[in-house]
Amino acid sequence: MDHDDVVAVSEEQPLFRQQIPWYKKIFIFIRRIVERTISCNVSNAAKVITYYWLLSFFPIIIFVGNVIPFLHLDAAVIMSYLEMAFPGQIMPLIRPIVSSLLHKSSGGLLSFGVIATLWAGSRGTNAMRNSMNDAYQIDSSNIYSDIPIQNAVVRRIFSFIMTFFFIVALLAIVVVFTFGQQFLEWLIPTFDLSDTILDVFLTWKWPVIVSVIVLVMMFLQYVLPSARLKFWTTIPGTIFTSGTWIILTQGFSLYVRYFARSFNSYGTIGTLIVALLWLNFAATLLMIGSVINAVFNESWHGHELTFSNRITKLLKR
């Protein structure tokens, strides 16, 4: 007999609104997350997302690297942020590329970086959106119009906008923190302020990195699915993805450093293998976060979703 029947769980009423013991609600909630993760094929979705993430990874470095020289930013500060965000075994591949680009820029490379980043990034964004819709069990026939070319154009424009937003956000974070430090270094001696102000600013690196990851994850989980969601229903999956990403990055670095020394003997190929594994795990955690949000939303509001996304409205015209 199904466990839901034993505890008299109604399929018509949201799980968290039913009069059953809280521990049984949690058990059923976790079980439904596992079932949904399997049914929407999270592992395959993660592989598609990983492919486009990897495809856009180096164009993004080229793009950002050719913009930064115009801003006269400190290369050491940029590297410190990259080292906090990526596993240590990936940095040997990134460091020489970034160092080279930080000291010289090329208009041709900048144009290539913009085009390649927007193309690959938009494909990755579209793949994430489709996978999140699967997590929410959204029927694509309820989203798209009857004109295929219209679907492709509007979806690609939306993906371009999202990709552009993330690039701008990345640049803004780097600029604010780099210029913020330089501004404080000028401000403190000029007005005879305490040096502790700069120390406090520098010690907030990790909290800010974590906050940015949380905000980006919450934005993704709220905007990408083609449904009207309560903002607070995206919190569980956001916390899960953000926390596990940080643990993944630090844990992966330790694992490769102490238990996977054979990767180091393969040079660049070994680094690419590490990057692929890390990106695949990161994409998997992102999709599991979407599944958690989908099941959490259903547990409070039922299975009915309202397709009020503006992109959906455009496609239905």
Protein backbone atom coordinates (compact mmCIF):
# COMPACT_ATOMS: atom_id res chain seq x y z
CA MET A 1 0.00 0.00 0.00
CA ASP A 2 1.26 3.49 -0.86
CA HIS A 3 2.56 5.45 2.11
CA ASP A 4 0.36 8.45 1.19
CA ASP A 5 -2.72 6.25 1.61
CA VAL A 6 -1.56 4.99 5.01
CA VAL A 7 -1.36 8.52 6.42
CA ALA A 8 -4.54 9.58 4.59
CA VAL A 9 -2.89 12.16 2.37
CA SER A 10 -5.18 13.87 -0.12
CA GLU A 11 -3.83 14.52 -3.60
CA GLU A 12 -6.30 17.37 -4.11
CA GLN A 13 -5.24 19.39 -1.07
CA PRO A 14 -1.73 20.89 -0.70
CA LEU A 15 0.46 18.71 1.51
CA PHE A 16 1.43 21.39 4.04
CA ARG A 17 -2.21 22.41 4.57
CA GLN A 18 -3.37 18.91 5.54
CA GLN A 19 -4.00 17.80 9.11
CA ILE A 20 -1.28 15.19 9.42
CA PRO A 21 1.81 15.04 11.70
CA TRP A 22 4.63 17.38 10.66
CA TYR A 23 7.23 14.58 10.48
CA LYS A 24 5.04 12.71 7.99
CA LYS A 25 4.74 15.88 5.92
CA ILE A 26 8.52 16.16 5.82
CA PHE A 27 8.91 12.49 4.89
CA ILE A 28 6.40 12.79 2.04
CA PHE A 29 7.92 16.11 0.93
CA ILE A 30 11.42 14.58 0.67
CA ARG A 31 10.06 11.50 -1.08
CA ARG A 32 8.29 13.64 -3.67
CA ILE A 33 11.50 15.59 -4.28
CA VAL A 34 13.34 12.34 -5.01
CA GLU A 35 10.55 11.10 -7.28
CA ARG A 36 10.41 14.40 -9.19
CA THR A 37 14.20 14.49 -9.55
CA ILE A 38 14.08 11.07 -11.20
CA SER A 39 11.00 11.73 -13.34
CA CYS A 40 12.24 15.00 -14.85
CA ASN A 41 15.66 13.48 -15.61
CA VAL A 42 17.79 15.99 -13.75
CA SER A 43 21.07 14.29 -14.67
CA ASN A 44 20.49 14.67 -18.44
CA ALA A 45 19.32 18.26 -18.02
CA ALA A 46 22.50 19.01 -16.07
CA LYS A 47 24.65 17.63 -18.89
CA VAL A 48 23.00 19.95 -21.44
CA ILE A 49 23.43 22.95 -19.15
CA THR A 50 27.06 21.98 -18.49
CA TYR A 51 27.78 21.87 -22.22
CA TYR A 52 26.58 25.42 -22.80
CA TRP A 53 28.17 26.71 -19.59
CA LEU A 54 31.53 25.34 -20.71
CA LEU A 55 30.98 26.70 -24.20
CA SER A 56 30.37 30.21 -22.84
CA PHE A 57 33.04 30.03 -20.11
CA PHE A 58 36.06 31.13 -22.14
CA PRO A 59 34.22 33.73 -24.27
CA ILE A 60 33.12 35.32 -20.98
CA ILE A 61 36.75 35.43 -19.82
CA ILE A 62 37.76 36.98 -23.16
CA PHE A 63 34.95 39.53 -22.98
CA VAL A 64 35.55 40.53 -19.35
CA GLY A 65 39.31 40.46 -19.81
CA ASN A 66 39.12 42.90 -22.73
CA VAL A 67 36.80 45.27 -20.87
CA ILE A 68 38.77 45.39 -17.61
CA PRO A 69 41.94 47.02 -19.08
CA PHE A 70 39.85 50.08 -19.97
CA LEU A 71 38.89 50.36 -16.29
CA HIS A 72 42.50 50.11 -15.02
CA LEU A 73 41.60 47.58 -12.36
CA ASP A 74 44.04 45.74 -10.11
CA ALA A 75 44.79 42.26 -11.50
CA ALA A 76 45.61 40.89 -8.03
CA VAL A 77 42.17 41.84 -6.72
CA ILE A 78 40.46 40.21 -9.71
CA MET A 79 42.44 37.02 -9.15
CA SER A 80 41.53 36.94 -5.46
CA TYR A 81 37.82 36.92 -6.32
CA LEU A 82 38.26 34.23 -8.97
CA GLU A 83 40.16 32.06 -6.48
CA MET A 84 37.22 32.36 -4.06
CA ALA A 85 34.68 31.37 -6.72
CA PHE A 86 36.46 28.49 -8.50
CA PRO A 87 38.19 25.30 -7.31
CA GLY A 88 41.95 25.61 -6.99
CA GLN A 89 42.65 23.05 -9.72
CA ILE A 90 40.81 25.14 -12.32
CA MET A 91 42.74 28.33 -11.57
CA PRO A 92 45.98 27.24 -13.36
CA LEU A 93 43.98 27.17 -16.59
CA ILE A 94 42.25 30.50 -15.95
CA ARG A 95 45.10 32.50 -14.38
CA PRO A 96 47.40 32.92 -17.45
CA ILE A 97 44.45 33.78 -19.71
CA VAL A 98 43.10 36.40 -17.32
CA SER A 99 46.57 37.82 -16.59
CA SER A 100 47.27 38.23 -20.29
CA LEU A 101 43.93 39.87 -21.01
CA LEU A 102 44.10 42.20 -18.01
CA HIS A 103 47.19 43.91 -19.40
CA LYS A 104 46.10 44.27 -22.99
CA SER A 105 42.84 44.53 -24.87
CA SER A 106 41.78 43.83 -28.43
CA GLY A 107 38.75 45.21 -30.20
CA GLY A 108 38.51 42.08 -32.34
CA LEU A 109 38.68 39.76 -29.35
CA LEU A 110 36.15 41.93 -27.51
CA SER A 111 33.67 41.65 -30.39
CA PHE A 112 34.21 37.90 -30.60
CA GLY A 113 33.79 37.58 -26.83
CA VAL A 114 30.49 39.49 -26.87
CA ILE A 115 29.00 37.47 -29.73
CA ALA A 116 30.21 34.08 -28.47
CA THR A 117 29.16 34.80 -24.89
CA LEU A 118 25.68 35.96 -25.85
CA TRP A 119 25.15 33.01 -28.20
CA ALA A 120 26.41 30.25 -25.89
CA GLY A 121 25.06 31.94 -22.77
CA SER A 122 21.61 32.37 -24.27
CA ARG A 123 21.52 28.69 -25.24
CA GLY A 124 22.49 27.79 -21.69
CA THR A 125 19.81 30.09 -20.27
CA ASN A 126 17.20 28.54 -22.54
CA ALA A 127 18.29 25.04 -21.47
CA MET A 128 17.95 26.04 -17.80
CA ARG A 129 14.51 27.50 -18.45
CA ASN A 130 13.25 24.35 -20.19
CA SER A 131 14.65 22.14 -17.42
CA MET A 132 13.01 24.28 -14.72
CA ASN A 133 9.69 24.06 -16.58
CA ASP A 134 10.07 20.27 -16.51
CA ALA A 135 10.66 20.44 -12.75
CA TYR A 136 7.37 22.35 -12.38
CA GLN A 137 5.70 19.89 -14.79
CA ILE A 138 4.70 22.71 -17.12
CA ASP A 139 3.25 21.56 -20.43
CA SER A 140 5.03 23.38 -23.26
CA SER A 141 1.77 23.52 -25.25
CA ASN A 142 0.46 25.92 -22.60
CA ILE A 143 3.44 28.22 -23.05
CA TYR A 144 4.32 28.57 -26.70
CA SER A 145 2.33 29.99 -29.56
CA ASP A 146 1.42 28.11 -32.73
CA ILE A 147 4.10 29.94 -34.72
CA PRO A 148 7.48 28.16 -34.35
CA ILE A 149 9.60 31.08 -35.62
CA GLN A 150 7.92 33.39 -33.11
CA ASN A 151 8.72 30.98 -30.30
CA ALA A 152 12.38 30.79 -31.30
CA VAL A 153 12.83 34.56 -31.69
CA VAL A 154 11.12 35.57 -28.43
CA ARG A 155 12.82 32.85 -26.39
CA ARG A 156 16.23 33.79 -27.80
CA ILE A 157 15.66 37.50 -27.08
CA PHE A 158 14.72 36.63 -23.51
CA SER A 159 17.82 34.45 -23.16
CA PHE A 160 20.02 37.22 -24.60
CA ILE A 161 18.63 39.69 -22.06
CA MET A 162 19.22 37.30 -19.17
CA THR A 163 22.77 36.56 -20.32
CA PHE A 164 23.51 40.27 -20.73
CA PHE A 165 22.16 40.89 -17.23
CA PHE A 166 24.54 38.35 -15.69
CA ILE A 167 27.53 39.79 -17.55
CA VAL A 168 26.68 43.31 -16.37
CA ALA A 169 26.18 42.05 -12.82
CA LEU A 170 29.56 40.31 -12.90
CA LEU A 171 31.31 43.45 -14.14
CA ALA A 172 29.50 45.61 -11.59
CA ILE A 173 30.63 43.41 -8.70
CA VAL A 174 34.26 43.48 -9.84
CA VAL A 175 34.25 47.24 -10.45
CA VAL A 176 32.56 48.13 -7.16
CA PHE A 177 34.92 46.04 -5.08
CA THR A 178 38.06 47.08 -6.90
CA PHE A 179 37.25 50.78 -7.04
CA GLY A 180 35.76 50.54 -3.56
CA GLN A 181 39.13 49.48 -2.17
CA GLN A 182 40.99 52.16 -4.14
CA PHE A 183 38.48 54.79 -3.06
CA LEU A 184 38.90 53.86 0.62
CA GLU A 185 42.70 53.88 0.26
CA TRP A 186 42.43 57.47 -0.98
CA LEU A 187 39.72 58.51 1.47
CA ILE A 188 41.37 57.26 4.70
CA PRO A 189 44.59 59.37 4.57
CA THR A 190 42.81 62.34 3.03
CA PHE A 191 40.33 62.70 5.89
CA ASP A 192 42.52 61.01 8.52
CA LEU A 193 40.10 58.15 9.06
CA SER A 194 40.74 54.89 10.86
CA ASP A 195 42.44 52.09 8.92
CA THR A 196 39.93 49.65 10.37
CA ILE A 197 37.41 50.84 7.76
CA LEU A 198 39.49 49.26 5.01
CA ASP A 199 40.00 46.10 7.08
CA VAL A 200 36.24 45.78 7.59
CA PHE A 201 35.68 46.28 3.87
CA LEU A 202 38.17 43.55 2.97
CA THR A 203 36.81 41.10 5.55
CA TRP A 204 33.38 41.30 3.92
CA LYS A 205 34.58 39.53 0.78
CA TRP A 206 33.12 36.16 1.69
CA PRO A 207 29.77 37.46 2.97
CA VAL A 208 29.36 39.48 -0.22
CA ILE A 209 30.28 36.54 -2.45
CA VAL A 210 27.74 34.37 -0.62
CA SER A 211 25.08 37.11 -0.81
CA VAL A 212 25.63 37.55 -4.54
CA ILE A 213 25.33 33.80 -5.14
CA VAL A 214 22.08 33.70 -3.14
CA LEU A 215 20.60 36.69 -4.99
CA VAL A 216 21.55 35.31 -8.41
CA MET A 217 20.12 31.88 -7.56
CA MET A 218 16.90 33.41 -6.25
CA PHE A 219 16.58 35.56 -9.37
CA LEU A 220 17.07 32.50 -11.60
CA GLN A 221 14.59 30.39 -9.67
CA TYR A 222 11.98 33.14 -9.72
CA VAL A 223 12.31 34.50 -13.27
CA LEU A 224 13.13 31.50 -15.48
CA PRO A 225 10.15 29.17 -14.83
CA SER A 226 7.16 30.03 -17.03
CA ALA A 227 4.73 30.36 -14.15
CA ARG A 228 3.55 32.87 -11.59
CA LEU A 229 5.34 32.03 -8.36
CA LYS A 230 5.30 33.47 -4.89
CA PHE A 231 8.76 34.90 -4.30
CA TRP A 232 9.14 33.17 -0.94
CA THR A 233 8.52 29.74 -2.46
CA THR A 234 11.90 30.00 -4.22
CA ILE A 235 13.78 30.33 -0.91
CA PRO A 236 14.26 26.59 -0.06
CA GLY A 237 15.80 25.70 -3.43
CA THR A 238 17.88 28.88 -3.42
CA ILE A 239 19.34 28.12 0.00
CA PHE A 240 20.01 24.51 -1.03
CA THR A 241 21.76 25.44 -4.29
CA SER A 242 23.77 28.33 -2.82
CA GLY A 243 24.93 26.31 0.19
CA THR A 244 25.81 23.21 -1.80
CA TRP A 245 27.64 25.28 -4.43
CA ILE A 246 29.90 26.77 -1.78
CA ILE A 247 30.47 23.34 -0.22
CA LEU A 248 31.05 21.84 -3.68
CA THR A 249 33.66 24.44 -4.60
CA GLN A 250 35.62 24.07 -1.38
CA GLY A 251 35.17 20.31 -1.13
CA PHE A 252 36.11 19.75 -4.75
CA SER A 253 39.32 21.72 -4.29
CA LEU A 254 40.28 19.65 -1.25
CA TYR A 255 39.42 16.36 -2.98
CA VAL A 256 41.44 17.11 -6.09
CA ARG A 257 44.35 18.44 -4.02
CA TYR A 258 44.66 15.41 -1.73
CA PHE A 259 42.92 12.46 -3.40
CA ALA A 260 43.09 13.04 -7.16
CA ARG A 261 46.73 13.87 -7.75
CA SER A 262 46.67 11.96 -11.05
CA PHE A 263 44.73 14.86 -12.58
CA ASN A 264 47.77 17.10 -12.13
CA SER A 265 49.93 14.88 -14.34
CA TYR A 266 47.67 15.51 -17.34
CA GLY A 267 48.17 19.30 -17.33
CA THR A 268 45.52 21.21 -19.26
CA ILE A 269 43.51 18.07 -20.04
CA GLY A 270 43.33 17.23 -16.35
CA THR A 271 42.18 20.77 -15.57
CA LEU A 272 39.44 20.52 -18.20
CA ILE A 273 38.29 17.22 -16.71
CA VAL A 274 38.06 18.86 -13.30
CA ALA A 275 36.19 21.83 -14.80
CA LEU A 276 33.70 19.52 -16.53
CA LEU A 277 33.04 17.54 -13.37
CA TRP A 278 32.62 20.69 -11.30
CA LEU A 279 30.26 22.32 -13.82
CA ASN A 280 28.20 19.13 -14.10
CA PHE A 281 27.80 18.85 -10.32
CA ALA A 282 26.96 22.57 -10.11
CA ALA A 283 24.28 22.23 -12.82
CA THR A 284 22.86 19.15 -11.09
CA LEU A 285 22.58 21.03 -7.78
CA LEU A 286 20.90 23.94 -9.57
CA MET A 287 18.28 21.63 -11.05
CA ILE A 288 17.70 19.83 -7.73
CA GLY A 289 17.11 23.28 -6.23
CA SER A 290 14.45 23.88 -8.90
CA VAL A 291 12.81 20.56 -8.06
CA ILE A 292 12.79 21.48 -4.36
CA ASN A 293 11.09 24.79 -5.18
CA ALA A 294 8.57 23.09 -7.47
CA VAL A 295 7.56 20.51 -4.85
CA PHE A 296 7.57 23.18 -2.11
CA ASN A 297 5.28 25.39 -4.21
CA GLU A 298 2.90 22.47 -4.82
CA SER A 299 2.95 21.58 -1.12
CA TRP A 300 1.60 25.04 -0.29
CA HIS A 301 -0.49 25.99 -3.32
CA GLY A 302 -1.41 22.73 -5.05
CA HIS A 303 -0.64 21.54 -8.56
CA GLU A 304 -2.37 24.34 -10.45
CA LEU A 305 0.05 26.90 -11.90
CA THR A 306 -0.79 30.22 -13.54
CA PHE A 307 1.18 30.91 -16.70
CA SER A 308 1.48 34.66 -16.30
CA ASN A 309 5.12 35.08 -17.24
CA ARG A 310 5.48 38.03 -19.63
CA ILE A 311 7.41 35.89 -22.08
CA THR A 312 4.53 33.43 -22.02
CA LYS A 313 2.07 36.22 -22.76
CA LEU A 314 4.14 37.37 -25.72
CA LEU A 315 4.32 33.85 -27.11
CA LYS A 316 0.56 33.33 -26.76
CA ARG A 317 -0.31 36.45 -28.77
